[in-house]
Amino acid sequence: MTQRAGTVEQNLIPANAQHRYQVRTQDIPLSCPMPGMYLWNSHPKVFLPIEETGEAKCPYCGAQYCLGDEKE
């Protein structure tokens, strides 16, 4: 049996658990909730335009996303 997105076997974070998220260019196209979040307790998926300004706010939950690649 294959794993489904959002099952308890996966190491996911709760959707909308924070109000500010740091995202990377690899996360574009950006959606809320993001792929690494549980989907069962969240709002419908919405794509957010973050490329021009480097910031976006979800119209459903108010989560703010900030684009910034960390240098290692």
N, C-alpha and C. Protein backbone atom coordinates (compact mmCIF):
# COMPACT_ATOMS: atom_id res chain seq x y z
N MET A 1 0.84 -1.17 0.00
CA MET A 1 0.00 0.00 0.00
C MET A 1 0.89 1.24 0.00
N THR A 2 0.58 2.20 -0.84
CA THR A 2 1.37 3.43 -0.91
C THR A 2 0.87 4.44 0.11
N GLN A 3 1.79 5.32 0.52
CA GLN A 3 1.42 6.36 1.47
C GLN A 3 0.71 7.49 0.77
N ARG A 4 -0.29 8.04 1.42
CA ARG A 4 -1.02 9.19 0.89
C ARG A 4 -0.53 10.45 1.57
N ALA A 5 -0.63 11.57 0.89
CA ALA A 5 -0.22 12.84 1.47
C ALA A 5 -1.07 13.16 2.68
N GLY A 6 -0.43 13.54 3.77
CA GLY A 6 -1.15 13.94 4.97
C GLY A 6 -1.46 12.82 5.93
N THR A 7 -0.88 11.64 5.72
CA THR A 7 -1.13 10.55 6.65
C THR A 7 -0.20 10.67 7.85
N VAL A 8 -0.54 10.00 8.94
CA VAL A 8 0.26 10.10 10.15
C VAL A 8 1.63 9.44 10.01
N GLU A 9 1.83 8.62 8.99
CA GLU A 9 3.13 7.98 8.79
C GLU A 9 4.17 8.96 8.27
N GLN A 10 3.73 10.10 7.77
CA GLN A 10 4.66 11.07 7.20
C GLN A 10 5.07 12.10 8.24
N ASN A 11 6.25 12.66 8.07
CA ASN A 11 6.75 13.68 8.98
C ASN A 11 6.35 15.05 8.45
N LEU A 12 5.09 15.43 8.66
CA LEU A 12 4.57 16.69 8.16
C LEU A 12 4.34 17.65 9.31
N ILE A 13 4.26 18.95 8.98
CA ILE A 13 3.95 19.94 10.00
C ILE A 13 2.49 20.32 9.90
N PRO A 14 1.88 20.75 11.00
CA PRO A 14 0.48 21.17 10.95
C PRO A 14 0.31 22.38 10.03
N ALA A 15 -0.73 22.37 9.24
CA ALA A 15 -1.01 23.50 8.35
C ALA A 15 -1.41 24.71 9.19
N ASN A 16 -1.00 25.87 8.75
CA ASN A 16 -1.38 27.13 9.39
C ASN A 16 -0.97 27.20 10.85
N ALA A 17 0.10 26.50 11.23
CA ALA A 17 0.56 26.48 12.62
C ALA A 17 1.30 27.76 12.97
N GLN A 18 1.86 28.41 11.98
CA GLN A 18 2.58 29.66 12.19
C GLN A 18 1.89 30.73 11.38
N HIS A 19 2.27 31.96 11.61
CA HIS A 19 1.74 33.03 10.77
C HIS A 19 2.78 33.59 9.82
N ARG A 20 4.04 33.16 9.96
CA ARG A 20 5.09 33.64 9.06
C ARG A 20 5.99 32.46 8.70
N TYR A 21 6.19 32.29 7.40
CA TYR A 21 7.01 31.20 6.91
C TYR A 21 8.09 31.74 6.00
N GLN A 22 9.31 31.24 6.14
CA GLN A 22 10.42 31.55 5.24
C GLN A 22 10.41 30.47 4.17
N VAL A 23 10.36 30.86 2.90
CA VAL A 23 10.35 29.90 1.80
C VAL A 23 11.54 30.15 0.88
N ARG A 24 11.85 29.17 0.05
CA ARG A 24 12.99 29.25 -0.88
C ARG A 24 12.49 29.24 -2.32
N THR A 25 13.35 29.56 -3.24
CA THR A 25 12.96 29.56 -4.65
C THR A 25 12.53 28.16 -5.10
N GLN A 26 13.04 27.11 -4.44
CA GLN A 26 12.64 25.75 -4.77
C GLN A 26 11.16 25.51 -4.44
N ASP A 27 10.57 26.36 -3.58
CA ASP A 27 9.17 26.21 -3.19
C ASP A 27 8.20 26.85 -4.18
N ILE A 28 8.73 27.51 -5.21
CA ILE A 28 7.89 28.16 -6.22
C ILE A 28 7.52 27.13 -7.28
N PRO A 29 6.28 27.02 -7.72
CA PRO A 29 5.15 27.88 -7.37
C PRO A 29 4.71 27.64 -5.93
N LEU A 30 4.47 28.72 -5.22
CA LEU A 30 4.12 28.67 -3.81
C LEU A 30 2.63 28.48 -3.63
N SER A 31 2.28 27.56 -2.75
CA SER A 31 0.87 27.36 -2.44
C SER A 31 0.70 27.28 -0.93
N CYS A 32 -0.48 27.62 -0.49
CA CYS A 32 -0.84 27.49 0.92
C CYS A 32 -2.09 26.62 0.97
N PRO A 33 -2.07 25.54 1.71
CA PRO A 33 -0.95 25.02 2.48
C PRO A 33 0.14 24.46 1.57
N MET A 34 1.36 24.45 2.11
CA MET A 34 2.50 23.94 1.34
C MET A 34 2.48 22.42 1.32
N PRO A 35 3.20 21.81 0.38
CA PRO A 35 3.18 20.34 0.25
C PRO A 35 3.59 19.59 1.52
N GLY A 36 4.43 20.16 2.37
CA GLY A 36 4.88 19.47 3.58
C GLY A 36 3.96 19.64 4.76
N MET A 37 2.74 20.09 4.53
CA MET A 37 1.79 20.32 5.62
C MET A 37 0.64 19.32 5.53
N TYR A 38 0.08 19.02 6.69
CA TYR A 38 -1.13 18.20 6.70
C TYR A 38 -2.24 18.95 5.96
N LEU A 39 -3.02 18.25 5.19
CA LEU A 39 -4.08 18.88 4.41
C LEU A 39 -5.47 18.69 5.01
N TRP A 40 -5.63 17.71 5.85
CA TRP A 40 -6.97 17.37 6.33
C TRP A 40 -7.61 18.47 7.17
N ASN A 41 -6.82 19.31 7.83
CA ASN A 41 -7.38 20.33 8.70
C ASN A 41 -7.11 21.74 8.19
N SER A 42 -7.00 21.88 6.89
CA SER A 42 -6.63 23.17 6.32
C SER A 42 -7.70 23.67 5.36
N HIS A 43 -7.43 24.81 4.78
CA HIS A 43 -8.33 25.42 3.80
C HIS A 43 -8.00 24.91 2.40
N PRO A 44 -8.80 25.26 1.40
CA PRO A 44 -8.48 24.85 0.02
C PRO A 44 -7.12 25.39 -0.41
N LYS A 45 -6.45 24.66 -1.25
CA LYS A 45 -5.13 25.05 -1.74
C LYS A 45 -5.25 26.29 -2.62
N VAL A 46 -4.40 27.27 -2.36
CA VAL A 46 -4.38 28.50 -3.14
C VAL A 46 -2.92 28.80 -3.50
N PHE A 47 -2.69 29.21 -4.74
CA PHE A 47 -1.35 29.56 -5.17
C PHE A 47 -1.12 31.05 -4.92
N LEU A 48 0.07 31.37 -4.41
CA LEU A 48 0.39 32.73 -4.00
C LEU A 48 1.50 33.31 -4.87
N PRO A 49 1.31 34.52 -5.41
CA PRO A 49 2.33 35.17 -6.24
C PRO A 49 3.38 35.82 -5.35
N ILE A 50 4.55 35.21 -5.24
CA ILE A 50 5.59 35.71 -4.36
C ILE A 50 6.82 36.20 -5.14
N GLU A 51 6.86 35.88 -6.43
CA GLU A 51 8.07 36.16 -7.22
C GLU A 51 8.42 37.64 -7.32
N GLU A 52 7.46 38.53 -7.51
CA GLU A 52 7.76 39.95 -7.76
C GLU A 52 8.23 40.69 -6.52
N THR A 53 7.54 40.53 -5.41
CA THR A 53 7.86 41.32 -4.21
C THR A 53 8.66 40.55 -3.17
N GLY A 54 8.66 39.22 -3.25
CA GLY A 54 9.35 38.42 -2.26
C GLY A 54 8.51 38.14 -1.03
N GLU A 55 7.26 38.61 -1.05
CA GLU A 55 6.34 38.36 0.07
C GLU A 55 4.95 38.07 -0.47
N ALA A 56 4.20 37.26 0.27
CA ALA A 56 2.82 36.95 -0.11
C ALA A 56 2.05 36.61 1.16
N LYS A 57 0.74 36.89 1.12
CA LYS A 57 -0.13 36.60 2.25
C LYS A 57 -1.30 35.75 1.78
N CYS A 58 -1.57 34.68 2.51
CA CYS A 58 -2.67 33.79 2.16
C CYS A 58 -4.00 34.47 2.46
N PRO A 59 -4.91 34.52 1.49
CA PRO A 59 -6.21 35.15 1.73
C PRO A 59 -7.13 34.33 2.64
N TYR A 60 -6.84 33.05 2.82
CA TYR A 60 -7.66 32.20 3.67
C TYR A 60 -7.27 32.29 5.15
N CYS A 61 -5.99 32.02 5.44
CA CYS A 61 -5.56 31.90 6.84
C CYS A 61 -4.71 33.07 7.31
N GLY A 62 -4.29 33.93 6.39
CA GLY A 62 -3.49 35.09 6.78
C GLY A 62 -2.01 34.79 6.96
N ALA A 63 -1.57 33.57 6.67
CA ALA A 63 -0.15 33.24 6.79
C ALA A 63 0.66 34.11 5.85
N GLN A 64 1.79 34.60 6.34
CA GLN A 64 2.67 35.43 5.53
C GLN A 64 3.88 34.60 5.12
N TYR A 65 4.22 34.70 3.85
CA TYR A 65 5.36 33.98 3.31
C TYR A 65 6.40 34.98 2.85
N CYS A 66 7.66 34.70 3.18
CA CYS A 66 8.76 35.57 2.82
C CYS A 66 9.80 34.74 2.05
N LEU A 67 10.17 35.21 0.88
CA LEU A 67 11.11 34.51 0.02
C LEU A 67 12.53 34.92 0.39
N GLY A 68 13.36 33.95 0.70
CA GLY A 68 14.74 34.24 1.04
C GLY A 68 15.55 32.97 1.07
N ASP A 69 16.45 32.82 0.12
CA ASP A 69 17.31 31.65 0.10
C ASP A 69 18.43 31.83 1.11
N GLU A 70 18.58 30.84 1.96
CA GLU A 70 19.64 30.88 2.95
C GLU A 70 20.95 30.42 2.32
N LYS A 71 21.99 31.13 2.58
CA LYS A 71 23.32 30.76 2.06
C LYS A 71 23.99 29.88 3.11
N GLU A 72 24.55 28.77 2.64
CA GLU A 72 25.20 27.85 3.58
C GLU A 72 26.69 27.89 3.41
